[in-house]
Amino acid sequence: MLTHSENQTERLYQAKLKLKRTPLNQIREIWFEVEINWRDRGKKDEANQPQRRVRAGSAVYNSEAM
């Protein structure tokens, strides 16, 4: 897992990589997951904007694994 923070309370992004293996220890699936957080800056005199978040994921399947 990979994470990055500007300070201790707010995480900017988190990335995960997961593997699923067969009984013969071959890689059957690879899962990618990413979560990104941010705040729109706007004008300097405006109050803090709400935190925004986007999550994405995908998987790759190895059809040749036994």
PDB file of N, CA and C in Angstrom:
ATOM      1  N   MET A   1       0.847  -1.161   0.000  1.00  0.00           N
ATOM      2  CA  MET A   1       0.000   0.000   0.000  1.00  0.00           C
ATOM      3  C   MET A   1       0.898   1.232   0.000  1.00  0.00           C
ATOM      4  N   LEU A   2       0.537   2.232  -0.787  1.00  0.00           N
ATOM      5  CA  LEU A   2       1.282   3.473  -0.905  1.00  0.00           C
ATOM      6  C   LEU A   2       0.369   4.609  -0.481  1.00  0.00           C
ATOM      7  N   THR A   3       0.812   5.471   0.423  1.00  0.00           N
ATOM      8  CA  THR A   3       0.017   6.610   0.859  1.00  0.00           C
ATOM      9  C   THR A   3       0.887   7.856   0.894  1.00  0.00           C
ATOM     10  N   HIS A   4       0.250   9.018   0.821  1.00  0.00           N
ATOM     11  CA  HIS A   4       0.950  10.296   0.922  1.00  0.00           C
ATOM     12  C   HIS A   4       0.072  11.265   1.693  1.00  0.00           C
ATOM     13  N   SER A   5       0.671  12.002   2.625  1.00  0.00           N
ATOM     14  CA  SER A   5      -0.072  12.972   3.427  1.00  0.00           C
ATOM     15  C   SER A   5       0.716  14.265   3.506  1.00  0.00           C
ATOM     16  N   GLU A   6       0.015  15.391   3.407  1.00  0.00           N
ATOM     17  CA  GLU A   6       0.652  16.684   3.645  1.00  0.00           C
ATOM     18  C   GLU A   6       0.750  16.940   5.141  1.00  0.00           C
ATOM     19  N   ASN A   7      -0.214  16.455   5.889  1.00  0.00           N
ATOM     20  CA  ASN A   7      -0.168  16.553   7.344  1.00  0.00           C
ATOM     21  C   ASN A   7      -0.739  15.263   7.923  1.00  0.00           C
ATOM     22  N   GLN A   8      -0.813  15.174   9.208  1.00  0.00           N
ATOM     23  CA  GLN A   8      -1.221  13.922   9.862  1.00  0.00           C
ATOM     24  C   GLN A   8      -2.714  13.633   9.739  1.00  0.00           C
ATOM     25  N   THR A   9      -3.552  14.644   9.489  1.00  0.00           N
ATOM     26  CA  THR A   9      -4.994  14.425   9.523  1.00  0.00           C
ATOM     27  C   THR A   9      -5.606  14.175   8.154  1.00  0.00           C
ATOM     28  N   GLU A  10      -4.946  14.556   7.067  1.00  0.00           N
ATOM     29  CA  GLU A  10      -5.545  14.470   5.746  1.00  0.00           C
ATOM     30  C   GLU A  10      -4.682  13.635   4.804  1.00  0.00           C
ATOM     31  N   ARG A  11      -5.217  12.532   4.299  1.00  0.00           N
ATOM     32  CA  ARG A  11      -4.494  11.681   3.360  1.00  0.00           C
ATOM     33  C   ARG A  11      -4.827  12.134   1.942  1.00  0.00           C
ATOM     34  N   LEU A  12      -3.804  12.410   1.119  1.00  0.00           N
ATOM     35  CA  LEU A  12      -4.025  12.862  -0.246  1.00  0.00           C
ATOM     36  C   LEU A  12      -4.342  11.711  -1.189  1.00  0.00           C
ATOM     37  N   TYR A  13      -3.571  10.630  -1.113  1.00  0.00           N
ATOM     38  CA  TYR A  13      -3.876   9.482  -1.956  1.00  0.00           C
ATOM     39  C   TYR A  13      -3.443   8.192  -1.285  1.00  0.00           C
ATOM     40  N   GLN A  14      -4.063   7.119  -1.760  1.00  0.00           N
ATOM     41  CA  GLN A  14      -3.737   5.782  -1.275  1.00  0.00           C
ATOM     42  C   GLN A  14      -3.851   4.848  -2.471  1.00  0.00           C
ATOM     43  N   ALA A  15      -2.854   4.005  -2.679  1.00  0.00           N
ATOM     44  CA  ALA A  15      -2.867   3.052  -3.779  1.00  0.00           C
ATOM     45  C   ALA A  15      -2.621   1.648  -3.221  1.00  0.00           C
ATOM     46  N   LYS A  16      -3.369   0.675  -3.753  1.00  0.00           N
ATOM     47  CA  LYS A  16      -3.225  -0.718  -3.311  1.00  0.00           C
ATOM     48  C   LYS A  16      -3.032  -1.611  -4.530  1.00  0.00           C
ATOM     49  N   LEU A  17      -2.235  -2.634  -4.346  1.00  0.00           N
ATOM     50  CA  LEU A  17      -2.027  -3.653  -5.352  1.00  0.00           C
ATOM     51  C   LEU A  17      -2.220  -4.997  -4.661  1.00  0.00           C
ATOM     52  N   LYS A  18      -3.176  -5.796  -5.165  1.00  0.00           N
ATOM     53  CA  LYS A  18      -3.462  -7.096  -4.560  1.00  0.00           C
ATOM     54  C   LYS A  18      -3.277  -8.189  -5.606  1.00  0.00           C
ATOM     55  N   LEU A  19      -2.717  -9.293  -5.178  1.00  0.00           N
ATOM     56  CA  LEU A  19      -2.537 -10.459  -6.048  1.00  0.00           C
ATOM     57  C   LEU A  19      -3.358 -11.623  -5.525  1.00  0.00           C
ATOM     58  N   LYS A  20      -3.939 -12.389  -6.440  1.00  0.00           N
ATOM     59  CA  LYS A  20      -4.593 -13.648  -6.080  1.00  0.00           C
ATOM     60  C   LYS A  20      -3.838 -14.743  -6.814  1.00  0.00           C
ATOM     61  N   ARG A  21      -3.480 -15.788  -6.071  1.00  0.00           N
ATOM     62  CA  ARG A  21      -2.669 -16.865  -6.629  1.00  0.00           C
ATOM     63  C   ARG A  21      -3.446 -18.178  -6.700  1.00  0.00           C
ATOM     64  N   THR A  22      -2.997 -19.060  -7.582  1.00  0.00           N
ATOM     65  CA  THR A  22      -3.559 -20.406  -7.697  1.00  0.00           C
ATOM     66  C   THR A  22      -2.869 -21.303  -6.674  1.00  0.00           C
ATOM     67  N   PRO A  23      -3.367 -22.526  -6.462  1.00  0.00           N
ATOM     68  CA  PRO A  23      -2.672 -23.460  -5.560  1.00  0.00           C
ATOM     69  C   PRO A  23      -1.229 -23.767  -5.997  1.00  0.00           C
ATOM     70  N   LEU A  24      -0.923 -23.560  -7.290  1.00  0.00           N
ATOM     71  CA  LEU A  24       0.438 -23.780  -7.793  1.00  0.00           C
ATOM     72  C   LEU A  24       1.288 -22.507  -7.670  1.00  0.00           C
ATOM     73  N   ASN A  25       0.780 -21.499  -6.966  1.00  0.00           N
ATOM     74  CA  ASN A  25       1.471 -20.240  -6.701  1.00  0.00           C
ATOM     75  C   ASN A  25       1.640 -19.364  -7.954  1.00  0.00           C
ATOM     76  N   GLN A  26       0.804 -19.585  -8.974  1.00  0.00           N
ATOM     77  CA  GLN A  26       0.810 -18.714 -10.147  1.00  0.00           C
ATOM     78  C   GLN A  26      -0.107 -17.528  -9.869  1.00  0.00           C
ATOM     79  N   ILE A  27       0.215 -16.393 -10.447  1.00  0.00           N
ATOM     80  CA  ILE A  27      -0.642 -15.210 -10.274  1.00  0.00           C
ATOM     81  C   ILE A  27      -1.873 -15.365 -11.167  1.00  0.00           C
ATOM     82  N   ARG A  28      -3.060 -15.362 -10.541  1.00  0.00           N
ATOM     83  CA  ARG A  28      -4.317 -15.516 -11.274  1.00  0.00           C
ATOM     84  C   ARG A  28      -4.960 -14.168 -11.571  1.00  0.00           C
ATOM     85  N   GLU A  29      -4.926 -13.248 -10.589  1.00  0.00           N
ATOM     86  CA  GLU A  29      -5.521 -11.918 -10.753  1.00  0.00           C
ATOM     87  C   GLU A  29      -4.623 -10.874 -10.103  1.00  0.00           C
ATOM     88  N   ILE A  30      -4.637  -9.683 -10.683  1.00  0.00           N
ATOM     89  CA  ILE A  30      -3.975  -8.525 -10.097  1.00  0.00           C
ATOM     90  C   ILE A  30      -5.028  -7.432  -9.980  1.00  0.00           C
ATOM     91  N   TRP A  31      -5.200  -6.893  -8.787  1.00  0.00           N
ATOM     92  CA  TRP A  31      -6.168  -5.828  -8.523  1.00  0.00           C
ATOM     93  C   TRP A  31      -5.437  -4.532  -8.218  1.00  0.00           C
ATOM     94  N   PHE A  32      -5.842  -3.455  -8.873  1.00  0.00           N
ATOM     95  CA  PHE A  32      -5.315  -2.113  -8.625  1.00  0.00           C
ATOM     96  C   PHE A  32      -6.443  -1.275  -8.041  1.00  0.00           C
ATOM     97  N   GLU A  33      -6.190  -0.584  -6.959  1.00  0.00           N
ATOM     98  CA  GLU A  33      -7.184   0.309  -6.359  1.00  0.00           C
ATOM     99  C   GLU A  33      -6.489   1.616  -5.981  1.00  0.00           C
ATOM    100  N   VAL A  34      -7.114   2.739  -6.319  1.00  0.00           N
ATOM    101  CA  VAL A  34      -6.554   4.058  -6.013  1.00  0.00           C
ATOM    102  C   VAL A  34      -7.656   4.937  -5.437  1.00  0.00           C
ATOM    103  N   GLU A  35      -7.321   5.684  -4.406  1.00  0.00           N
ATOM    104  CA  GLU A  35      -8.235   6.674  -3.819  1.00  0.00           C
ATOM    105  C   GLU A  35      -7.473   7.999  -3.725  1.00  0.00           C
ATOM    106  N   ILE A  36      -8.057   9.064  -4.274  1.00  0.00           N
ATOM    107  CA  ILE A  36      -7.420  10.381  -4.276  1.00  0.00           C
ATOM    108  C   ILE A  36      -8.360  11.372  -3.594  1.00  0.00           C
ATOM    109  N   ASN A  37      -7.813  12.179  -2.674  1.00  0.00           N
ATOM    110  CA  ASN A  37      -8.585  13.192  -1.940  1.00  0.00           C
ATOM    111  C   ASN A  37      -7.991  14.568  -2.225  1.00  0.00           C
ATOM    112  N   TRP A  38      -8.861  15.582  -2.305  1.00  0.00           N
ATOM    113  CA  TRP A  38      -8.384  16.945  -2.500  1.00  0.00           C
ATOM    114  C   TRP A  38      -9.451  17.941  -2.059  1.00  0.00           C
ATOM    115  N   ARG A  39      -9.051  19.178  -1.957  1.00  0.00           N
ATOM    116  CA  ARG A  39      -9.965  20.294  -1.689  1.00  0.00           C
ATOM    117  C   ARG A  39      -9.755  21.345  -2.766  1.00  0.00           C
ATOM    118  N   ASP A  40     -10.848  21.867  -3.319  1.00  0.00           N
ATOM    119  CA  ASP A  40     -10.738  22.967  -4.266  1.00  0.00           C
ATOM    120  C   ASP A  40     -10.289  24.205  -3.505  1.00  0.00           C
ATOM    121  N   ARG A  41      -9.392  24.954  -4.073  1.00  0.00           N
ATOM    122  CA  ARG A  41      -8.832  26.093  -3.358  1.00  0.00           C
ATOM    123  C   ARG A  41      -9.755  27.308  -3.384  1.00  0.00           C
ATOM    124  N   GLY A  42     -10.312  27.655  -4.529  1.00  0.00           N
ATOM    125  CA  GLY A  42     -11.192  28.821  -4.600  1.00  0.00           C
ATOM    126  C   GLY A  42     -10.455  30.109  -4.279  1.00  0.00           C
ATOM    127  N   LYS A  43     -11.196  31.107  -3.820  1.00  0.00           N
ATOM    128  CA  LYS A  43     -10.593  32.389  -3.448  1.00  0.00           C
ATOM    129  C   LYS A  43     -10.021  32.318  -2.039  1.00  0.00           C
ATOM    130  N   LYS A  44      -9.036  33.156  -1.766  1.00  0.00           N
ATOM    131  CA  LYS A  44      -8.383  33.139  -0.458  1.00  0.00           C
ATOM    132  C   LYS A  44      -9.320  33.534   0.676  1.00  0.00           C
ATOM    133  N   ASP A  45     -10.321  34.385   0.409  1.00  0.00           N
ATOM    134  CA  ASP A  45     -11.206  34.842   1.475  1.00  0.00           C
ATOM    135  C   ASP A  45     -12.377  33.893   1.735  1.00  0.00           C
ATOM    136  N   GLU A  46     -12.519  32.824   0.944  1.00  0.00           N
ATOM    137  CA  GLU A  46     -13.607  31.864   1.155  1.00  0.00           C
ATOM    138  C   GLU A  46     -13.216  30.864   2.243  1.00  0.00           C
ATOM    139  N   ALA A  47     -14.226  30.331   2.908  1.00  0.00           N
ATOM    140  CA  ALA A  47     -13.988  29.312   3.940  1.00  0.00           C
ATOM    141  C   ALA A  47     -13.486  28.029   3.276  1.00  0.00           C
ATOM    142  N   ASN A  48     -12.964  27.124   4.075  1.00  0.00           N
ATOM    143  CA  ASN A  48     -12.459  25.849   3.543  1.00  0.00           C
ATOM    144  C   ASN A  48     -13.534  25.134   2.741  1.00  0.00           C
ATOM    145  N   GLN A  49     -13.136  24.595   1.636  1.00  0.00           N
ATOM    146  CA  GLN A  49     -14.036  23.843   0.772  1.00  0.00           C
ATOM    147  C   GLN A  49     -14.153  22.410   1.299  1.00  0.00           C
ATOM    148  N   PRO A  50     -15.255  21.730   0.987  1.00  0.00           N
ATOM    149  CA  PRO A  50     -15.379  20.331   1.433  1.00  0.00           C
ATOM    150  C   PRO A  50     -14.355  19.440   0.723  1.00  0.00           C
ATOM    151  N   GLN A  51     -13.987  18.380   1.390  1.00  0.00           N
ATOM    152  CA  GLN A  51     -13.038  17.452   0.800  1.00  0.00           C
ATOM    153  C   GLN A  51     -13.715  16.647  -0.296  1.00  0.00           C
ATOM    154  N   ARG A  52     -13.029  16.497  -1.411  1.00  0.00           N
ATOM    155  CA  ARG A  52     -13.543  15.705  -2.533  1.00  0.00           C
ATOM    156  C   ARG A  52     -12.743  14.416  -2.621  1.00  0.00           C
ATOM    157  N   ARG A  53     -13.369  13.385  -3.191  1.00  0.00           N
ATOM    158  CA  ARG A  53     -12.730  12.073  -3.249  1.00  0.00           C
ATOM    159  C   ARG A  53     -13.130  11.369  -4.535  1.00  0.00           C
ATOM    160  N   VAL A  54     -12.170  10.690  -5.132  1.00  0.00           N
ATOM    161  CA  VAL A  54     -12.458   9.825  -6.277  1.00  0.00           C
ATOM    162  C   VAL A  54     -11.749   8.496  -6.018  1.00  0.00           C
ATOM    163  N   ARG A  55     -12.451   7.412  -6.356  1.00  0.00           N
ATOM    164  CA  ARG A  55     -11.895   6.067  -6.208  1.00  0.00           C
ATOM    165  C   ARG A  55     -11.987   5.370  -7.563  1.00  0.00           C
ATOM    166  N   ALA A  56     -10.957   4.587  -7.874  1.00  0.00           N
ATOM    167  CA  ALA A  56     -10.950   3.831  -9.129  1.00  0.00           C
ATOM    168  C   ALA A  56     -10.258   2.500  -8.870  1.00  0.00           C
ATOM    169  N   GLY A  57     -10.658   1.521  -9.629  1.00  0.00           N
ATOM    170  CA  GLY A  57     -10.041   0.204  -9.495  1.00  0.00           C
ATOM    171  C   GLY A  57     -10.188  -0.577 -10.763  1.00  0.00           C
ATOM    172  N   SER A  58      -9.328  -1.554 -10.924  1.00  0.00           N
ATOM    173  CA  SER A  58      -9.378  -2.409 -12.095  1.00  0.00           C
ATOM    174  C   SER A  58      -8.701  -3.730 -11.749  1.00  0.00           C
ATOM    175  N   ALA A  59      -8.975  -4.733 -12.549  1.00  0.00           N
ATOM    176  CA  ALA A  59      -8.365  -6.047 -12.331  1.00  0.00           C
ATOM    177  C   ALA A  59      -7.873  -6.606 -13.667  1.00  0.00           C
ATOM    178  N   VAL A  60      -6.805  -7.354 -13.598  1.00  0.00           N
ATOM    179  CA  VAL A  60      -6.282  -8.073 -14.755  1.00  0.00           C
ATOM    180  C   VAL A  60      -6.331  -9.546 -14.421  1.00  0.00           C
ATOM    181  N   TYR A  61      -6.931 -10.337 -15.311  1.00  0.00           N
ATOM    182  CA  TYR A  61      -7.097 -11.772 -15.074  1.00  0.00           C
ATOM    183  C   TYR A  61      -6.151 -12.532 -15.991  1.00  0.00           C
ATOM    184  N   ASN A  62      -5.417 -13.484 -15.445  1.00  0.00           N
ATOM    185  CA  ASN A  62      -4.503 -14.329 -16.208  1.00  0.00           C
ATOM    186  C   ASN A  62      -5.227 -15.623 -16.561  1.00  0.00           C
ATOM    187  N   SER A  63      -5.693 -15.746 -17.773  1.00  0.00           N
ATOM    188  CA  SER A  63      -6.462 -16.930 -18.176  1.00  0.00           C
ATOM    189  C   SER A  63      -5.577 -18.163 -18.362  1.00  0.00           C
ATOM    190  N   GLU A  64      -4.259 -17.969 -18.410  1.00  0.00           N
ATOM    191  CA  GLU A  64      -3.350 -19.100 -18.579  1.00  0.00           C
ATOM    192  C   GLU A  64      -2.966 -19.763 -17.271  1.00  0.00           C
ATOM    193  N   ALA A  65      -3.325 -19.155 -16.134  1.00  0.00           N
ATOM    194  CA  ALA A  65      -2.979 -19.746 -14.846  1.00  0.00           C
ATOM    195  C   ALA A  65      -3.817 -20.993 -14.605  1.00  0.00           C
ATOM    196  N   MET A  66      -3.188 -22.011 -14.038  1.00  0.00           N
ATOM    197  CA  MET A  66      -3.896 -23.281 -13.790  1.00  0.00           C
ATOM    198  C   MET A  66      -4.351 -23.380 -12.373  1.00  0.00           C
TER     199      MET A  66
END
